[in-house]
């Protein structure tokens, strides 16, 4: 208990925003959470604080130094592409076994609550044969599935959920981040999902609100 991946139905869905909100909540409650972003593409070495890993470190009260980045995000790539493509641009590759071992060791050695933020969506390729889904399943940790409230999100969310369940990856909760400007109401998205995901907790969060309430979700994860 207390250790979860954060994955999503796609890229730019709010994984890092949610992770940072949870980390700040836990710290305010007197806890000492941990967070990792092992694989990171689109990394600007000149502005590391703007990266997903840099934002996680800021939420943890730590600096975006090279040592800190190496500790939580060892696979960093410059190109804003899927991890396999970004690595190939640099003549590198992600060793899947090493990635799984890193994640397991991080989960075993770190305090709780612990978040490991994945990269891209559930089926984003990591190498020639493995996806994020495979990484989550091999780690042995459950995950939060982050979705949006945009038109089309229901299909994307249920497809991602089925993909995770097919390999035995546990889903702790589905979190719907309100999509700014969406033609679909957040409550309507939640109600529709509830008909298809019996037994899995659902949470709705207005991710662009400074008063977004993550307390209920944070309690579920501890």
Protein backbone atom coordinates (compact mmCIF):
# COMPACT_ATOMS: atom_id res chain seq x y z
CA UNK A 1 0.00 0.00 0.00
CA UNK A 2 1.05 3.61 -0.55
CA UNK A 3 3.01 3.05 -3.78
CA UNK A 4 1.44 3.70 -7.18
CA UNK A 5 2.31 4.45 -10.77
CA UNK A 6 0.60 7.40 -12.39
CA UNK A 7 -0.23 6.72 -16.01
CA UNK A 8 -2.63 8.29 -18.48
CA UNK A 9 -4.80 7.81 -21.51
CA UNK A 10 -2.31 9.90 -23.49
CA UNK A 11 0.32 12.59 -23.24
CA UNK A 12 -0.36 16.04 -21.73
CA UNK A 13 -3.30 14.67 -19.76
CA UNK A 14 -2.24 16.03 -16.36
CA UNK A 15 -0.11 13.26 -14.81
CA UNK A 16 2.57 15.63 -13.53
CA UNK A 17 0.03 18.19 -12.34
CA UNK A 18 -1.79 15.53 -10.33
CA UNK A 19 1.43 14.05 -8.94
CA UNK A 20 2.60 17.48 -7.76
CA UNK A 21 -0.79 18.26 -6.19
CA UNK A 22 -0.67 14.98 -4.26
CA UNK A 23 2.92 15.55 -3.14
CA UNK A 24 2.10 19.04 -1.85
CA UNK A 25 -0.96 17.73 -0.03
CA UNK A 26 1.01 14.99 1.69
CA UNK A 27 3.81 17.33 2.69
CA UNK A 28 1.30 19.80 4.14
CA UNK A 29 -0.10 16.90 6.16
CA UNK A 30 3.32 16.21 7.66
CA UNK A 31 4.21 13.22 5.52
CA UNK A 32 7.47 12.68 3.59
CA UNK A 33 6.39 11.41 0.15
CA UNK A 34 8.70 10.25 -2.62
CA UNK A 35 8.33 10.56 -6.38
CA UNK A 36 10.13 9.34 -9.49
CA UNK A 37 9.88 10.05 -13.22
CA UNK A 38 12.27 7.40 -14.51
CA UNK A 39 11.73 8.06 -18.23
CA UNK A 40 11.48 11.62 -19.51
CA UNK A 41 11.41 12.92 -23.09
CA UNK A 42 11.35 16.54 -24.19
CA UNK A 43 13.97 17.40 -21.54
CA UNK A 44 15.68 20.80 -21.87
CA UNK A 45 18.98 20.63 -20.01
CA UNK A 46 19.10 24.45 -19.94
CA UNK A 47 15.75 24.67 -18.11
CA UNK A 48 15.54 21.48 -16.03
CA UNK A 49 13.11 23.06 -13.57
CA UNK A 50 10.46 23.20 -16.31
CA UNK A 51 10.58 19.47 -16.96
CA UNK A 52 8.20 16.98 -15.39
CA UNK A 53 11.01 15.78 -13.13
CA UNK A 54 11.86 19.37 -12.19
CA UNK A 55 8.25 20.02 -11.22
CA UNK A 56 8.18 16.89 -9.08
CA UNK A 57 11.38 17.96 -7.33
CA UNK A 58 9.92 21.43 -6.68
CA UNK A 59 6.80 19.86 -5.18
CA UNK A 60 9.09 17.78 -2.95
CA UNK A 61 11.00 20.89 -1.85
CA UNK A 62 14.17 19.86 -3.67
CA UNK A 63 16.32 21.55 -6.33
CA UNK A 64 16.58 20.51 -9.97
CA UNK A 65 20.28 19.72 -9.73
CA UNK A 66 21.93 17.09 -11.90
CA UNK A 67 22.29 14.78 -8.91
CA UNK A 68 18.62 15.11 -7.96
CA UNK A 69 17.53 14.59 -11.57
CA UNK A 70 19.75 11.52 -11.88
CA UNK A 71 18.13 10.11 -8.76
CA UNK A 72 14.52 10.38 -9.92
CA UNK A 73 14.77 10.58 -13.73
CA UNK A 74 17.80 8.65 -15.00
CA UNK A 75 16.47 8.13 -18.56
CA UNK A 76 16.22 11.69 -19.90
CA UNK A 77 15.95 12.51 -23.60
CA UNK A 78 15.81 15.84 -25.41
CA UNK A 79 13.37 15.13 -28.24
CA UNK A 80 9.65 15.53 -27.39
CA UNK A 81 8.82 12.13 -28.86
CA UNK A 82 7.80 8.70 -27.63
CA UNK A 83 10.59 7.25 -25.46
CA UNK A 84 11.78 4.76 -28.07
CA UNK A 85 12.02 7.48 -30.74
CA UNK A 86 13.60 10.02 -28.39
CA UNK A 87 16.24 7.50 -27.31
CA UNK A 88 16.99 6.52 -30.92
CA UNK A 89 17.60 10.20 -31.79
CA UNK A 90 20.51 10.10 -29.33
CA UNK A 91 21.81 6.68 -30.35
CA UNK A 92 20.54 5.22 -27.10
CA UNK A 93 17.93 2.72 -25.98
CA UNK A 94 15.99 2.03 -22.81
CA UNK A 95 16.96 -1.28 -21.25
CA UNK A 96 13.60 -2.60 -20.12
CA UNK A 97 14.99 -4.93 -17.47
CA UNK A 98 17.05 -2.12 -15.96
CA UNK A 99 14.02 0.16 -15.96
CA UNK A 100 11.89 -2.42 -14.15
CA UNK A 101 14.68 -3.09 -11.65
CA UNK A 102 15.07 0.64 -10.98
CA UNK A 103 11.32 0.98 -10.36
CA UNK A 104 11.18 -2.00 -8.03
CA UNK A 105 14.20 -0.80 -6.08
CA UNK A 106 12.75 2.71 -5.80
CA UNK A 107 9.48 1.29 -4.49
CA UNK A 108 11.26 -0.95 -2.00
CA UNK A 109 13.68 1.64 -0.66
CA UNK A 110 11.57 4.80 -0.57
CA UNK A 111 9.14 5.96 2.12
CA UNK A 112 5.41 5.98 1.58
CA UNK A 113 3.43 7.50 -0.03
CA UNK A 114 5.33 6.92 -3.27
CA UNK A 115 4.48 7.90 -6.84
CA UNK A 116 6.22 6.71 -10.00
CA UNK A 117 5.07 8.83 -12.91
CA UNK A 118 5.10 6.99 -16.22
CA UNK A 119 5.70 8.60 -19.60
CA UNK A 120 3.06 9.36 -22.23
CA UNK A 121 0.03 7.09 -22.37
CA UNK A 122 -0.53 3.50 -21.34
CA UNK A 123 0.58 2.08 -24.69
CA UNK A 124 3.50 4.45 -25.38
CA UNK A 125 6.45 2.40 -26.71
CA UNK A 126 9.57 2.19 -24.57
CA UNK A 127 11.65 0.09 -26.97
CA UNK A 128 11.10 -2.29 -29.87
CA UNK A 129 8.85 -4.66 -27.91
CA UNK A 130 7.74 -3.06 -24.62
CA UNK A 131 5.20 -0.38 -23.75
CA UNK A 132 4.41 1.60 -20.61
CA UNK A 133 1.74 -1.02 -19.87
CA UNK A 134 4.43 -3.72 -19.76
CA UNK A 135 6.54 -1.59 -17.43
CA UNK A 136 3.67 -1.10 -14.99
CA UNK A 137 2.75 -4.78 -15.01
CA UNK A 138 6.36 -5.91 -14.52
CA UNK A 139 6.87 -3.51 -11.61
CA UNK A 140 4.14 -5.19 -9.57
CA UNK A 141 2.69 -1.84 -8.51
CA UNK A 142 -0.90 -0.67 -9.08
CA UNK A 143 -1.56 2.56 -10.92
CA UNK A 144 -3.73 5.62 -11.12
CA UNK A 145 -5.19 6.08 -14.59
CA UNK A 146 -5.49 9.76 -15.46
CA UNK A 147 -8.03 10.81 -18.09
CA UNK A 148 -9.63 14.00 -19.38
CA UNK A 149 -13.20 15.18 -19.87
CA UNK A 150 -12.81 16.07 -23.56
CA UNK A 151 -15.05 14.60 -26.25
CA UNK A 152 -13.65 11.13 -26.98
CA UNK A 153 -12.17 10.60 -23.53
CA UNK A 154 -14.65 7.86 -22.64
CA UNK A 155 -13.39 5.62 -25.43
CA UNK A 156 -9.75 6.43 -24.69
CA UNK A 157 -10.20 5.76 -20.98
CA UNK A 158 -12.01 2.46 -21.36
CA UNK A 159 -9.50 1.30 -23.97
CA UNK A 160 -6.58 2.16 -21.67
CA UNK A 161 -8.30 0.41 -18.76
CA UNK A 162 -8.86 -2.74 -20.79
CA UNK A 163 -5.22 -2.71 -21.90
CA UNK A 164 -4.04 -2.52 -18.30
CA UNK A 165 -6.40 -5.18 -17.07
CA UNK A 166 -5.40 -7.53 -19.88
CA UNK A 167 -1.88 -7.82 -18.42
CA UNK A 168 -3.03 -7.94 -14.81
CA UNK A 169 -2.03 -4.38 -13.90
CA UNK A 170 -4.07 -3.19 -10.93
CA UNK A 171 -5.88 0.13 -11.18
CA UNK A 172 -6.25 1.89 -7.81
CA UNK A 173 -8.47 4.64 -9.21
CA UNK A 174 -9.40 6.52 -12.36
CA UNK A 175 -8.88 10.27 -12.09
CA UNK A 176 -10.69 12.58 -14.52
CA UNK A 177 -8.99 15.94 -14.89
CA UNK A 178 -11.40 18.52 -16.25
CA UNK A 179 -10.35 19.50 -19.76
CA UNK A 180 -10.42 23.30 -20.20
CA UNK A 181 -12.92 24.36 -22.85
CA UNK A 182 -14.40 20.89 -23.26
CA UNK A 183 -17.90 20.56 -24.68
CA UNK A 184 -18.47 17.68 -22.25
CA UNK A 185 -19.19 18.44 -18.59
CA UNK A 186 -16.92 16.89 -15.98
CA UNK A 187 -19.86 15.40 -14.09
CA UNK A 188 -21.26 13.87 -17.27
CA UNK A 189 -17.91 12.22 -18.01
CA UNK A 190 -17.78 10.80 -14.52
CA UNK A 191 -21.35 9.49 -14.65
CA UNK A 192 -20.78 7.80 -18.00
CA UNK A 193 -17.56 6.14 -16.84
CA UNK A 194 -19.20 4.88 -13.66
CA UNK A 195 -21.46 2.61 -15.72
CA UNK A 196 -18.46 0.74 -17.12
CA UNK A 197 -15.88 0.64 -14.32
CA UNK A 198 -17.76 -0.93 -11.41
CA UNK A 199 -15.46 -1.55 -8.46
CA UNK A 200 -12.84 1.02 -9.42
CA UNK A 201 -12.96 4.34 -7.50
CA UNK A 202 -13.50 7.43 -9.65
CA UNK A 203 -12.27 10.91 -8.80
CA UNK A 204 -13.00 14.18 -10.59
CA UNK A 205 -10.57 17.08 -10.28
CA UNK A 206 -10.57 20.52 -11.88
CA UNK A 207 -6.85 20.47 -12.55
CA UNK A 208 -6.51 24.17 -13.38
CA UNK A 209 -8.17 25.28 -10.16
CA UNK A 210 -5.94 26.55 -7.37
CA UNK A 211 -8.44 25.04 -4.95
CA UNK A 212 -8.57 21.62 -6.58
CA UNK A 213 -9.34 19.09 -3.85
CA UNK A 214 -7.10 16.02 -3.90
CA UNK A 215 -7.64 15.11 -0.24
CA UNK A 216 -9.96 12.21 -0.96
CA UNK A 217 -7.66 10.74 -3.56
CA UNK A 218 -4.60 11.29 -1.35
CA UNK A 219 -6.31 9.36 1.46
CA UNK A 220 -7.10 6.50 -0.89
CA UNK A 221 -3.43 6.15 -1.81
CA UNK A 222 -1.93 6.16 1.69
